[in-house]
């Protein structure tokens, strides 16, 4: 019988892949994300990727990490894949600048065997690292082993530029770690805190204290309605709209003040609400003669006192 090759799109190939994946899932040598009867599907996908890349399935499983459902390669695995492909010479690394300076960096290069052309990768410098914020992540390896991180990043850039098919379009774990803060879980997978994925909340605005109504003395409120120059009373709107009274009202007291009959104005004010009474008193005080002058105005300026009758001012 012809040999059967493991695969997805043939019954015998699928059965063979399933049987092999079941054996891998029962092994203690595979990472946790491939171990167990419920992880057979993960093993099958890893085997398919190994066939496409021409790599060993166990090596793929040990270097393929799941980050939020997205597989990511380790950089050392990509370097090994490039070196073992036979299409290029082994990756080499070129350095420039003074260590610790912004222009210090590294780039990967290799020679294409078919053409003999040297293929240079992208320079990775401290200026790029700081601009991208790779070294500012919690637990970043850029602070503890920068040279190794330069090599990994330079190799990843070279692979994406000249041999993207070897990585099957996947990122490296180091790339993902530089973008997010990853933590290795008990089952071997990597995860990131959801707080890191959310936008930072806006700064809390201080709550405005509730304004308490300011208590203004009645005399002060009354004086606010007296014109300082003319001594006239500016009647509040609410009092203009008040229902008419049966006896003398605020307008009558106002008229008495303007005519100079302060006694009459005081008599009327006694029957008015407190606020209106305070306004009449303030108007009388504003128009009263100055100290040292006679309390009562001159006879020619003081009109005769008129008696009050019921239901009005008692005008005859």
C-alpha atoms as a PDB file:
ATOM      1  CA  UNK A   1       0.000   0.000   0.000  1.00  0.00           C
ATOM      2  CA  UNK A   2       1.230   3.542  -0.674  1.00  0.00           C
ATOM      3  CA  UNK A   3       2.479   5.434   2.405  1.00  0.00           C
ATOM      4  CA  UNK A   4      -0.041   7.682   4.121  1.00  0.00           C
ATOM      5  CA  UNK A   5       0.992  11.231   4.932  1.00  0.00           C
ATOM      6  CA  UNK A   6      -0.669  12.988   7.838  1.00  0.00           C
ATOM      7  CA  UNK A   7      -2.999  15.773   6.771  1.00  0.00           C
ATOM      8  CA  UNK A   8      -6.454  17.300   7.096  1.00  0.00           C
ATOM      9  CA  UNK A   9      -8.103  16.717   3.746  1.00  0.00           C
ATOM     10  CA  UNK A  10      -8.014  12.959   3.352  1.00  0.00           C
ATOM     11  CA  UNK A  11      -9.740  10.419   5.582  1.00  0.00           C
ATOM     12  CA  UNK A  12      -6.704   8.199   6.082  1.00  0.00           C
ATOM     13  CA  UNK A  13      -4.393  11.223   6.459  1.00  0.00           C
ATOM     14  CA  UNK A  14      -6.716  12.788   9.001  1.00  0.00           C
ATOM     15  CA  UNK A  15      -6.971   9.579  11.006  1.00  0.00           C
ATOM     16  CA  UNK A  16      -3.185   9.236  11.009  1.00  0.00           C
ATOM     17  CA  UNK A  17      -2.719  12.831  12.209  1.00  0.00           C
ATOM     18  CA  UNK A  18      -5.328  12.317  14.903  1.00  0.00           C
ATOM     19  CA  UNK A  19      -3.625   9.170  16.173  1.00  0.00           C
ATOM     20  CA  UNK A  20      -0.204  10.829  16.250  1.00  0.00           C
ATOM     21  CA  UNK A  21      -1.650  13.901  17.975  1.00  0.00           C
ATOM     22  CA  UNK A  22      -3.253  11.681  20.596  1.00  0.00           C
ATOM     23  CA  UNK A  23       0.163  10.172  21.336  1.00  0.00           C
ATOM     24  CA  UNK A  24       1.714  13.647  21.679  1.00  0.00           C
ATOM     25  CA  UNK A  25      -1.071  14.825  24.010  1.00  0.00           C
ATOM     26  CA  UNK A  26      -0.349  11.910  26.356  1.00  0.00           C
ATOM     27  CA  UNK A  27       3.365  12.776  26.625  1.00  0.00           C
ATOM     28  CA  UNK A  28       4.941  14.735  29.479  1.00  0.00           C
ATOM     29  CA  UNK A  29       7.546  16.196  27.097  1.00  0.00           C
ATOM     30  CA  UNK A  30       5.145  18.535  25.329  1.00  0.00           C
ATOM     31  CA  UNK A  31       4.163  21.910  26.863  1.00  0.00           C
ATOM     32  CA  UNK A  32       1.022  22.141  28.938  1.00  0.00           C
ATOM     33  CA  UNK A  33      -1.048  23.730  26.153  1.00  0.00           C
ATOM     34  CA  UNK A  34      -0.701  20.497  24.132  1.00  0.00           C
ATOM     35  CA  UNK A  35      -1.110  18.011  26.964  1.00  0.00           C
ATOM     36  CA  UNK A  36      -4.352  16.169  27.673  1.00  0.00           C
ATOM     37  CA  UNK A  37      -7.188  14.547  25.766  1.00  0.00           C
ATOM     38  CA  UNK A  38      -8.876  17.944  25.276  1.00  0.00           C
ATOM     39  CA  UNK A  39      -5.758  19.377  23.565  1.00  0.00           C
ATOM     40  CA  UNK A  40      -5.573  16.925  20.649  1.00  0.00           C
ATOM     41  CA  UNK A  41      -6.737  19.670  18.265  1.00  0.00           C
ATOM     42  CA  UNK A  42      -3.807  21.880  19.340  1.00  0.00           C
ATOM     43  CA  UNK A  43      -1.415  19.046  18.596  1.00  0.00           C
ATOM     44  CA  UNK A  44      -2.945  18.522  15.155  1.00  0.00           C
ATOM     45  CA  UNK A  45      -2.504  22.211  14.262  1.00  0.00           C
ATOM     46  CA  UNK A  46       1.109  22.166  15.497  1.00  0.00           C
ATOM     47  CA  UNK A  47       1.786  19.049  13.397  1.00  0.00           C
ATOM     48  CA  UNK A  48       0.339  20.725  10.299  1.00  0.00           C
ATOM     49  CA  UNK A  49       2.553  23.794  10.823  1.00  0.00           C
ATOM     50  CA  UNK A  50       5.591  21.543  11.319  1.00  0.00           C
ATOM     51  CA  UNK A  51       4.893  19.821   7.978  1.00  0.00           C
ATOM     52  CA  UNK A  52       4.572  23.144   6.156  1.00  0.00           C
ATOM     53  CA  UNK A  53       7.834  24.428   7.621  1.00  0.00           C
ATOM     54  CA  UNK A  54       9.725  21.139   7.347  1.00  0.00           C
ATOM     55  CA  UNK A  55      10.410  21.151  11.085  1.00  0.00           C
ATOM     56  CA  UNK A  56      10.101  18.569  13.835  1.00  0.00           C
ATOM     57  CA  UNK A  57       6.598  18.567  15.444  1.00  0.00           C
ATOM     58  CA  UNK A  58       7.998  18.420  18.978  1.00  0.00           C
ATOM     59  CA  UNK A  59      10.269  21.403  18.272  1.00  0.00           C
ATOM     60  CA  UNK A  60       7.296  23.369  16.968  1.00  0.00           C
ATOM     61  CA  UNK A  61       5.249  22.579  20.063  1.00  0.00           C
ATOM     62  CA  UNK A  62       8.073  23.652  22.359  1.00  0.00           C
ATOM     63  CA  UNK A  63       8.557  26.986  20.591  1.00  0.00           C
ATOM     64  CA  UNK A  64       5.012  27.948  19.625  1.00  0.00           C
ATOM     65  CA  UNK A  65       3.323  29.939  22.381  1.00  0.00           C
ATOM     66  CA  UNK A  66      -0.333  30.906  22.559  1.00  0.00           C
ATOM     67  CA  UNK A  67      -0.940  34.550  23.486  1.00  0.00           C
ATOM     68  CA  UNK A  68      -4.671  35.377  23.700  1.00  0.00           C
ATOM     69  CA  UNK A  69      -5.431  32.731  21.123  1.00  0.00           C
ATOM     70  CA  UNK A  70      -2.690  33.935  18.753  1.00  0.00           C
ATOM     71  CA  UNK A  71       0.338  31.686  18.214  1.00  0.00           C
ATOM     72  CA  UNK A  72       3.760  33.344  18.496  1.00  0.00           C
ATOM     73  CA  UNK A  73       7.231  31.971  17.841  1.00  0.00           C
ATOM     74  CA  UNK A  74      10.258  32.233  20.040  1.00  0.00           C
ATOM     75  CA  UNK A  75      13.012  34.227  18.305  1.00  0.00           C
ATOM     76  CA  UNK A  76      15.615  31.483  18.757  1.00  0.00           C
ATOM     77  CA  UNK A  77      13.333  29.077  16.865  1.00  0.00           C
ATOM     78  CA  UNK A  78      13.058  31.481  13.923  1.00  0.00           C
ATOM     79  CA  UNK A  79      16.849  31.843  13.851  1.00  0.00           C
ATOM     80  CA  UNK A  80      17.241  28.061  13.859  1.00  0.00           C
ATOM     81  CA  UNK A  81      14.656  27.747  11.060  1.00  0.00           C
ATOM     82  CA  UNK A  82      16.522  30.259   8.885  1.00  0.00           C
ATOM     83  CA  UNK A  83      19.859  28.571   9.473  1.00  0.00           C
ATOM     84  CA  UNK A  84      18.403  25.124   8.718  1.00  0.00           C
ATOM     85  CA  UNK A  85      16.502  26.168   5.600  1.00  0.00           C
ATOM     86  CA  UNK A  86      19.573  25.820   3.339  1.00  0.00           C
ATOM     87  CA  UNK A  87      18.580  28.877   1.293  1.00  0.00           C
ATOM     88  CA  UNK A  88      20.783  31.290   3.222  1.00  0.00           C
ATOM     89  CA  UNK A  89      24.006  31.258   5.132  1.00  0.00           C
ATOM     90  CA  UNK A  90      23.745  31.341   8.895  1.00  0.00           C
ATOM     91  CA  UNK A  91      22.576  34.657  10.244  1.00  0.00           C
ATOM     92  CA  UNK A  92      25.317  37.059  11.294  1.00  0.00           C
ATOM     93  CA  UNK A  93      25.059  40.295  13.242  1.00  0.00           C
ATOM     94  CA  UNK A  94      26.673  43.680  12.700  1.00  0.00           C
ATOM     95  CA  UNK A  95      27.030  46.292  15.423  1.00  0.00           C
ATOM     96  CA  UNK A  96      27.536  50.050  15.331  1.00  0.00           C
ATOM     97  CA  UNK A  97      27.870  52.990  17.686  1.00  0.00           C
ATOM     98  CA  UNK A  98      29.002  53.244  21.272  1.00  0.00           C
ATOM     99  CA  UNK A  99      27.225  51.083  23.868  1.00  0.00           C
ATOM    100  CA  UNK A 100      24.596  53.036  25.750  1.00  0.00           C
ATOM    101  CA  UNK A 101      24.374  55.804  23.147  1.00  0.00           C
ATOM    102  CA  UNK A 102      21.194  56.408  21.092  1.00  0.00           C
ATOM    103  CA  UNK A 103      22.922  55.335  17.847  1.00  0.00           C
ATOM    104  CA  UNK A 104      24.166  52.047  19.291  1.00  0.00           C
ATOM    105  CA  UNK A 105      22.461  49.167  17.531  1.00  0.00           C
ATOM    106  CA  UNK A 106      22.544  45.902  15.669  1.00  0.00           C
ATOM    107  CA  UNK A 107      21.357  44.446  12.367  1.00  0.00           C
ATOM    108  CA  UNK A 108      21.238  40.894  11.038  1.00  0.00           C
ATOM    109  CA  UNK A 109      22.590  39.812   7.657  1.00  0.00           C
ATOM    110  CA  UNK A 110      23.018  36.641   5.640  1.00  0.00           C
ATOM    111  CA  UNK A 111      24.110  35.630   2.160  1.00  0.00           C
ATOM    112  CA  UNK A 112      21.601  34.117  -0.246  1.00  0.00           C
ATOM    113  CA  UNK A 113      23.183  30.911  -1.520  1.00  0.00           C
ATOM    114  CA  UNK A 114      21.523  30.996  -4.936  1.00  0.00           C
ATOM    115  CA  UNK A 115      22.700  34.492  -5.895  1.00  0.00           C
ATOM    116  CA  UNK A 116      25.569  35.138  -3.466  1.00  0.00           C
ATOM    117  CA  UNK A 117      23.971  38.468  -2.534  1.00  0.00           C
ATOM    118  CA  UNK A 118      24.377  39.798   0.972  1.00  0.00           C
ATOM    119  CA  UNK A 119      20.997  40.580   2.519  1.00  0.00           C
ATOM    120  CA  UNK A 120      21.139  43.260   5.227  1.00  0.00           C
ATOM    121  CA  UNK A 121      18.407  43.640   7.798  1.00  0.00           C
ATOM    122  CA  UNK A 122      17.081  46.763   9.508  1.00  0.00           C
ATOM    123  CA  UNK A 123      19.150  48.576  12.098  1.00  0.00           C
ATOM    124  CA  UNK A 124      17.739  48.280  15.604  1.00  0.00           C
ATOM    125  CA  UNK A 125      19.125  51.076  17.798  1.00  0.00           C
ATOM    126  CA  UNK A 126      18.554  52.406  21.283  1.00  0.00           C
ATOM    127  CA  UNK A 127      16.818  55.367  19.671  1.00  0.00           C
ATOM    128  CA  UNK A 128      14.253  52.981  18.167  1.00  0.00           C
ATOM    129  CA  UNK A 129      13.926  51.047  21.420  1.00  0.00           C
ATOM    130  CA  UNK A 130      13.190  54.195  23.422  1.00  0.00           C
ATOM    131  CA  UNK A 131      10.886  55.666  20.780  1.00  0.00           C
ATOM    132  CA  UNK A 132       8.794  52.478  20.683  1.00  0.00           C
ATOM    133  CA  UNK A 133       8.779  52.197  24.479  1.00  0.00           C
ATOM    134  CA  UNK A 134      10.086  48.611  24.464  1.00  0.00           C
ATOM    135  CA  UNK A 135      12.332  49.212  27.460  1.00  0.00           C
ATOM    136  CA  UNK A 136       9.559  50.817  29.532  1.00  0.00           C
ATOM    137  CA  UNK A 137       7.477  47.657  29.969  1.00  0.00           C
ATOM    138  CA  UNK A 138       7.384  45.960  33.357  1.00  0.00           C
ATOM    139  CA  UNK A 139       9.848  43.088  33.406  1.00  0.00           C
ATOM    140  CA  UNK A 140      11.427  44.151  30.109  1.00  0.00           C
ATOM    141  CA  UNK A 141      14.575  42.226  29.183  1.00  0.00           C
ATOM    142  CA  UNK A 142      15.943  45.312  27.419  1.00  0.00           C
ATOM    143  CA  UNK A 143      17.178  46.538  30.790  1.00  0.00           C
ATOM    144  CA  UNK A 144      18.808  43.295  31.912  1.00  0.00           C
ATOM    145  CA  UNK A 145      20.093  41.693  28.680  1.00  0.00           C
ATOM    146  CA  UNK A 146      20.041  44.352  25.947  1.00  0.00           C
ATOM    147  CA  UNK A 147      22.548  42.655  23.620  1.00  0.00           C
ATOM    148  CA  UNK A 148      20.471  39.475  23.442  1.00  0.00           C
ATOM    149  CA  UNK A 149      17.335  41.495  22.783  1.00  0.00           C
ATOM    150  CA  UNK A 150      19.106  43.390  19.983  1.00  0.00           C
ATOM    151  CA  UNK A 151      19.958  40.044  18.346  1.00  0.00           C
ATOM    152  CA  UNK A 152      16.413  38.691  18.684  1.00  0.00           C
ATOM    153  CA  UNK A 153      14.799  41.833  17.336  1.00  0.00           C
ATOM    154  CA  UNK A 154      17.266  42.178  14.442  1.00  0.00           C
ATOM    155  CA  UNK A 155      16.719  38.514  13.460  1.00  0.00           C
ATOM    156  CA  UNK A 156      12.939  38.943  13.546  1.00  0.00           C
ATOM    157  CA  UNK A 157      13.161  42.001  11.293  1.00  0.00           C
ATOM    158  CA  UNK A 158      15.417  40.158   8.869  1.00  0.00           C
ATOM    159  CA  UNK A 159      13.105  37.141   8.718  1.00  0.00           C
ATOM    160  CA  UNK A 160      10.039  39.306   7.982  1.00  0.00           C
ATOM    161  CA  UNK A 161      11.880  41.126   5.223  1.00  0.00           C
ATOM    162  CA  UNK A 162      13.486  38.182   3.367  1.00  0.00           C
ATOM    163  CA  UNK A 163      11.804  34.949   4.508  1.00  0.00           C
ATOM    164  CA  UNK A 164       8.281  35.660   5.826  1.00  0.00           C
ATOM    165  CA  UNK A 165       7.114  32.196   4.772  1.00  0.00           C
ATOM    166  CA  UNK A 166       9.379  30.603   7.366  1.00  0.00           C
ATOM    167  CA  UNK A 167       7.529  32.323  10.170  1.00  0.00           C
ATOM    168  CA  UNK A 168       4.113  31.791   8.520  1.00  0.00           C
ATOM    169  CA  UNK A 169       3.242  35.414   9.272  1.00  0.00           C
ATOM    170  CA  UNK A 170       3.427  35.008  13.035  1.00  0.00           C
ATOM    171  CA  UNK A 171       5.032  37.396  15.494  1.00  0.00           C
ATOM    172  CA  UNK A 172       7.677  36.437  17.995  1.00  0.00           C
ATOM    173  CA  UNK A 173       7.027  36.211  21.706  1.00  0.00           C
ATOM    174  CA  UNK A 174       9.543  39.043  22.216  1.00  0.00           C
ATOM    175  CA  UNK A 175       7.562  41.255  19.824  1.00  0.00           C
ATOM    176  CA  UNK A 176       4.357  40.636  21.702  1.00  0.00           C
ATOM    177  CA  UNK A 177       6.068  41.127  25.056  1.00  0.00           C
ATOM    178  CA  UNK A 178       7.406  44.510  23.966  1.00  0.00           C
ATOM    179  CA  UNK A 179       3.880  45.548  23.045  1.00  0.00           C
ATOM    180  CA  UNK A 180       2.140  44.115  26.111  1.00  0.00           C
ATOM    181  CA  UNK A 181       3.159  42.966  29.551  1.00  0.00           C
ATOM    182  CA  UNK A 182       2.894  39.172  29.407  1.00  0.00           C
ATOM    183  CA  UNK A 183       2.841  36.714  32.254  1.00  0.00           C
ATOM    184  CA  UNK A 184       3.459  33.011  31.824  1.00  0.00           C
ATOM    185  CA  UNK A 185       0.528  30.952  33.119  1.00  0.00           C
ATOM    186  CA  UNK A 186       0.579  27.598  34.898  1.00  0.00           C
ATOM    187  CA  UNK A 187      -0.455  25.768  31.717  1.00  0.00           C
ATOM    188  CA  UNK A 188       2.481  27.228  29.772  1.00  0.00           C
ATOM    189  CA  UNK A 189       0.537  29.887  27.874  1.00  0.00           C
ATOM    190  CA  UNK A 190       1.136  33.620  28.100  1.00  0.00           C
ATOM    191  CA  UNK A 191      -1.552  36.095  29.081  1.00  0.00           C
ATOM    192  CA  UNK A 192      -1.798  39.813  29.550  1.00  0.00           C
ATOM    193  CA  UNK A 193      -3.806  41.678  32.120  1.00  0.00           C
ATOM    194  CA  UNK A 194      -6.962  43.220  30.722  1.00  0.00           C
ATOM    195  CA  UNK A 195      -6.039  46.441  32.513  1.00  0.00           C
ATOM    196  CA  UNK A 196      -3.104  46.771  30.082  1.00  0.00           C
ATOM    197  CA  UNK A 197      -5.484  46.523  27.120  1.00  0.00           C
ATOM    198  CA  UNK A 198      -7.788  49.222  28.325  1.00  0.00           C
ATOM    199  CA  UNK A 199      -7.102  52.860  27.767  1.00  0.00           C
ATOM    200  CA  UNK A 200      -6.024  54.639  30.883  1.00  0.00           C
ATOM    201  CA  UNK A 201      -9.002  56.213  32.629  1.00  0.00           C
ATOM    202  CA  UNK A 202      -9.210  59.990  32.584  1.00  0.00           C
ATOM    203  CA  UNK A 203      -7.978  61.761  35.662  1.00  0.00           C
ATOM    204  CA  UNK A 204     -10.647  61.967  38.316  1.00  0.00           C
ATOM    205  CA  UNK A 205     -12.198  65.368  38.456  1.00  0.00           C
ATOM    206  CA  UNK A 206     -12.743  66.780  41.950  1.00  0.00           C
ATOM    207  CA  UNK A 207     -16.375  66.940  42.865  1.00  0.00           C
ATOM    208  CA  UNK A 208     -17.761  70.405  43.147  1.00  0.00           C
ATOM    209  CA  UNK A 209     -18.957  71.094  46.635  1.00  0.00           C
ATOM    210  CA  UNK A 210     -22.605  71.841  46.838  1.00  0.00           C
ATOM    211  CA  UNK A 211     -23.096  75.505  47.320  1.00  0.00           C
ATOM    212  CA  UNK A 212     -25.034  76.339  50.436  1.00  0.00           C
ATOM    213  CA  UNK A 213     -27.411  79.263  50.063  1.00  0.00           C
ATOM    214  CA  UNK A 214     -25.851  82.357  51.537  1.00  0.00           C
ATOM    215  CA  UNK A 215     -27.982  84.003  54.158  1.00  0.00           C
ATOM    216  CA  UNK A 216     -28.122  87.737  53.538  1.00  0.00           C
ATOM    217  CA  UNK A 217     -29.377  89.898  56.382  1.00  0.00           C
ATOM    218  CA  UNK A 218     -32.828  91.326  55.808  1.00  0.00           C
ATOM    219  CA  UNK A 219     -31.516  94.874  56.136  1.00  0.00           C
ATOM    220  CA  UNK A 220     -28.898  94.235  53.481  1.00  0.00           C
ATOM    221  CA  UNK A 221     -31.429  92.696  51.091  1.00  0.00           C
ATOM    222  CA  UNK A 222     -33.741  95.610  51.707  1.00  0.00           C
ATOM    223  CA  UNK A 223     -31.002  98.147  51.001  1.00  0.00           C
ATOM    224  CA  UNK A 224     -30.260  96.435  47.698  1.00  0.00           C
ATOM    225  CA  UNK A 225     -33.616  97.663  46.396  1.00  0.00           C
ATOM    226  CA  UNK A 226     -33.018 101.329  47.307  1.00  0.00           C
ATOM    227  CA  UNK A 227     -31.440 103.579  44.712  1.00  0.00           C
ATOM    228  CA  UNK A 228     -28.420 105.226  46.318  1.00  0.00           C
ATOM    229  CA  UNK A 229     -28.779 108.458  44.350  1.00  0.00           C
ATOM    230  CA  UNK A 230     -32.519 109.088  44.310  1.00  0.00           C
ATOM    231  CA  UNK A 231     -33.574 107.116  47.360  1.00  0.00           C
ATOM    232  CA  UNK A 232     -36.335 105.426  45.365  1.00  0.00           C
ATOM    233  CA  UNK A 233     -37.326 101.884  46.157  1.00  0.00           C
ATOM    234  CA  UNK A 234     -36.958  99.341  43.354  1.00  0.00           C
ATOM    235  CA  UNK A 235     -39.764  96.959  44.090  1.00  0.00           C
ATOM    236  CA  UNK A 236     -38.759  93.294  43.587  1.00  0.00           C
ATOM    237  CA  UNK A 237     -40.503  91.442  40.787  1.00  0.00           C
ATOM    238  CA  UNK A 238     -42.038  88.941  43.127  1.00  0.00           C
ATOM    239  CA  UNK A 239     -43.730  91.734  45.064  1.00  0.00           C
ATOM    240  CA  UNK A 240     -45.116  93.303  41.902  1.00  0.00           C
ATOM    241  CA  UNK A 241     -46.737  90.022  41.064  1.00  0.00           C
ATOM    242  CA  UNK A 242     -48.152  89.525  44.584  1.00  0.00           C
ATOM    243  CA  UNK A 243     -51.884  89.479  44.988  1.00  0.00           C
ATOM    244  CA  UNK A 244     -53.381  92.854  45.906  1.00  0.00           C
ATOM    245  CA  UNK A 245     -54.032  93.471  49.585  1.00  0.00           C
ATOM    246  CA  UNK A 246     -57.267  94.723  51.096  1.00  0.00           C
ATOM    247  CA  UNK A 247     -55.543  97.598  52.965  1.00  0.00           C
ATOM    248  CA  UNK A 248     -52.656  99.920  52.270  1.00  0.00           C
ATOM    249  CA  UNK A 249     -49.799  98.063  50.645  1.00  0.00           C
ATOM    250  CA  UNK A 250     -46.198  98.362  49.637  1.00  0.00           C
ATOM    251  CA  UNK A 251     -46.955 100.913  46.922  1.00  0.00           C
ATOM    252  CA  UNK A 252     -48.790 103.128  49.407  1.00  0.00           C
ATOM    253  CA  UNK A 253     -45.879 103.033  51.824  1.00  0.00           C
ATOM    254  CA  UNK A 254     -43.530 103.792  48.911  1.00  0.00           C
ATOM    255  CA  UNK A 255     -45.606 106.813  47.936  1.00  0.00           C
ATOM    256  CA  UNK A 256     -45.620 108.030  51.548  1.00  0.00           C
ATOM    257  CA  UNK A 257     -41.839 107.821  51.690  1.00  0.00           C
ATOM    258  CA  UNK A 258     -41.456 109.773  48.457  1.00  0.00           C
ATOM    259  CA  UNK A 259     -43.831 112.447  49.732  1.00  0.00           C
ATOM    260  CA  UNK A 260     -41.870 112.723  52.962  1.00  0.00           C
ATOM    261  CA  UNK A 261     -44.600 111.401  55.269  1.00  0.00           C
ATOM    262  CA  UNK A 262     -42.344 108.989  57.129  1.00  0.00           C
ATOM    263  CA  UNK A 263     -44.783 108.360  59.973  1.00  0.00           C
ATOM    264  CA  UNK A 264     -47.470 107.224  57.572  1.00  0.00           C
ATOM    265  CA  UNK A 265     -44.953 105.074  55.771  1.00  0.00           C
ATOM    266  CA  UNK A 266     -43.956 103.430  59.070  1.00  0.00           C
ATOM    267  CA  UNK A 267     -47.589 102.805  59.989  1.00  0.00           C
ATOM    268  CA  UNK A 268     -48.261 101.101  56.684  1.00  0.00           C
ATOM    269  CA  UNK A 269     -45.000  99.134  56.886  1.00  0.00           C
ATOM    270  CA  UNK A 270     -46.061  97.523  60.182  1.00  0.00           C
ATOM    271  CA  UNK A 271     -48.738  95.543  58.361  1.00  0.00           C
ATOM    272  CA  UNK A 272     -46.422  94.467  55.509  1.00  0.00           C
ATOM    273  CA  UNK A 273     -44.277  91.320  55.302  1.00  0.00           C
ATOM    274  CA  UNK A 274     -40.921  91.522  57.038  1.00  0.00           C
ATOM    275  CA  UNK A 275     -38.869  91.978  53.862  1.00  0.00           C
ATOM    276  CA  UNK A 276     -41.065  94.806  52.552  1.00  0.00           C
ATOM    277  CA  UNK A 277     -41.052  96.475  55.969  1.00  0.00           C
ATOM    278  CA  UNK A 278     -37.228  96.346  55.970  1.00  0.00           C
ATOM    279  CA  UNK A 279     -37.168  97.980  52.533  1.00  0.00           C
ATOM    280  CA  UNK A 280     -39.439 100.816  53.687  1.00  0.00           C
ATOM    281  CA  UNK A 281     -37.295 101.333  56.790  1.00  0.00           C
ATOM    282  CA  UNK A 282     -34.156 101.416  54.627  1.00  0.00           C
ATOM    283  CA  UNK A 283     -35.746 103.988  52.327  1.00  0.00           C
ATOM    284  CA  UNK A 284     -36.796 106.151  55.281  1.00  0.00           C
ATOM    285  CA  UNK A 285     -33.277 105.949  56.740  1.00  0.00           C
ATOM    286  CA  UNK A 286     -31.791 106.927  53.392  1.00  0.00           C
ATOM    287  CA  UNK A 287     -34.034 109.989  53.053  1.00  0.00           C
ATOM    288  CA  UNK A 288     -34.062 111.073  56.730  1.00  0.00           C
ATOM    289  CA  UNK A 289     -32.400 114.429  57.525  1.00  0.00           C
ATOM    290  CA  UNK A 290     -28.719 114.312  58.428  1.00  0.00           C
ATOM    291  CA  UNK A 291     -27.561 114.448  62.019  1.00  0.00           C
ATOM    292  CA  UNK A 292     -27.885 117.866  63.565  1.00  0.00           C
ATOM    293  CA  UNK A 293     -30.819 118.871  61.391  1.00  0.00           C
ATOM    294  CA  UNK A 294     -34.376 118.963  62.543  1.00  0.00           C
ATOM    295  CA  UNK A 295     -36.079 115.618  62.589  1.00  0.00           C
ATOM    296  CA  UNK A 296     -39.211 117.066  61.031  1.00  0.00           C
ATOM    297  CA  UNK A 297     -39.003 118.853  57.707  1.00  0.00           C
ATOM    298  CA  UNK A 298     -39.994 122.502  57.335  1.00  0.00           C
ATOM    299  CA  UNK A 299     -43.723 123.160  57.530  1.00  0.00           C
ATOM    300  CA  UNK A 300     -43.851 124.219  53.897  1.00  0.00           C
ATOM    301  CA  UNK A 301     -42.222 120.949  52.803  1.00  0.00           C
ATOM    302  CA  UNK A 302     -44.202 118.708  55.190  1.00  0.00           C
ATOM    303  CA  UNK A 303     -47.696 118.014  53.947  1.00  0.00           C
ATOM    304  CA  UNK A 304     -50.510 117.949  56.448  1.00  0.00           C
ATOM    305  CA  UNK A 305     -51.033 114.580  58.202  1.00  0.00           C
ATOM    306  CA  UNK A 306     -54.028 112.847  56.819  1.00  0.00           C
ATOM    307  CA  UNK A 307     -56.084 110.382  58.711  1.00  0.00           C
ATOM    308  CA  UNK A 308     -56.556 106.858  57.485  1.00  0.00           C
ATOM    309  CA  UNK A 309     -59.866 105.259  56.907  1.00  0.00           C
ATOM    310  CA  UNK A 310     -60.769 101.696  56.286  1.00  0.00           C
ATOM    311  CA  UNK A 311     -59.916 100.209  52.928  1.00  0.00           C
ATOM    312  CA  UNK A 312     -57.353 102.804  51.789  1.00  0.00           C
ATOM    313  CA  UNK A 313     -55.189 105.777  52.770  1.00  0.00           C
ATOM    314  CA  UNK A 314     -58.203 107.820  53.986  1.00  0.00           C
ATOM    315  CA  UNK A 315     -57.686 110.537  51.353  1.00  0.00           C
ATOM    316  CA  UNK A 316     -60.606 112.993  51.321  1.00  0.00           C
END
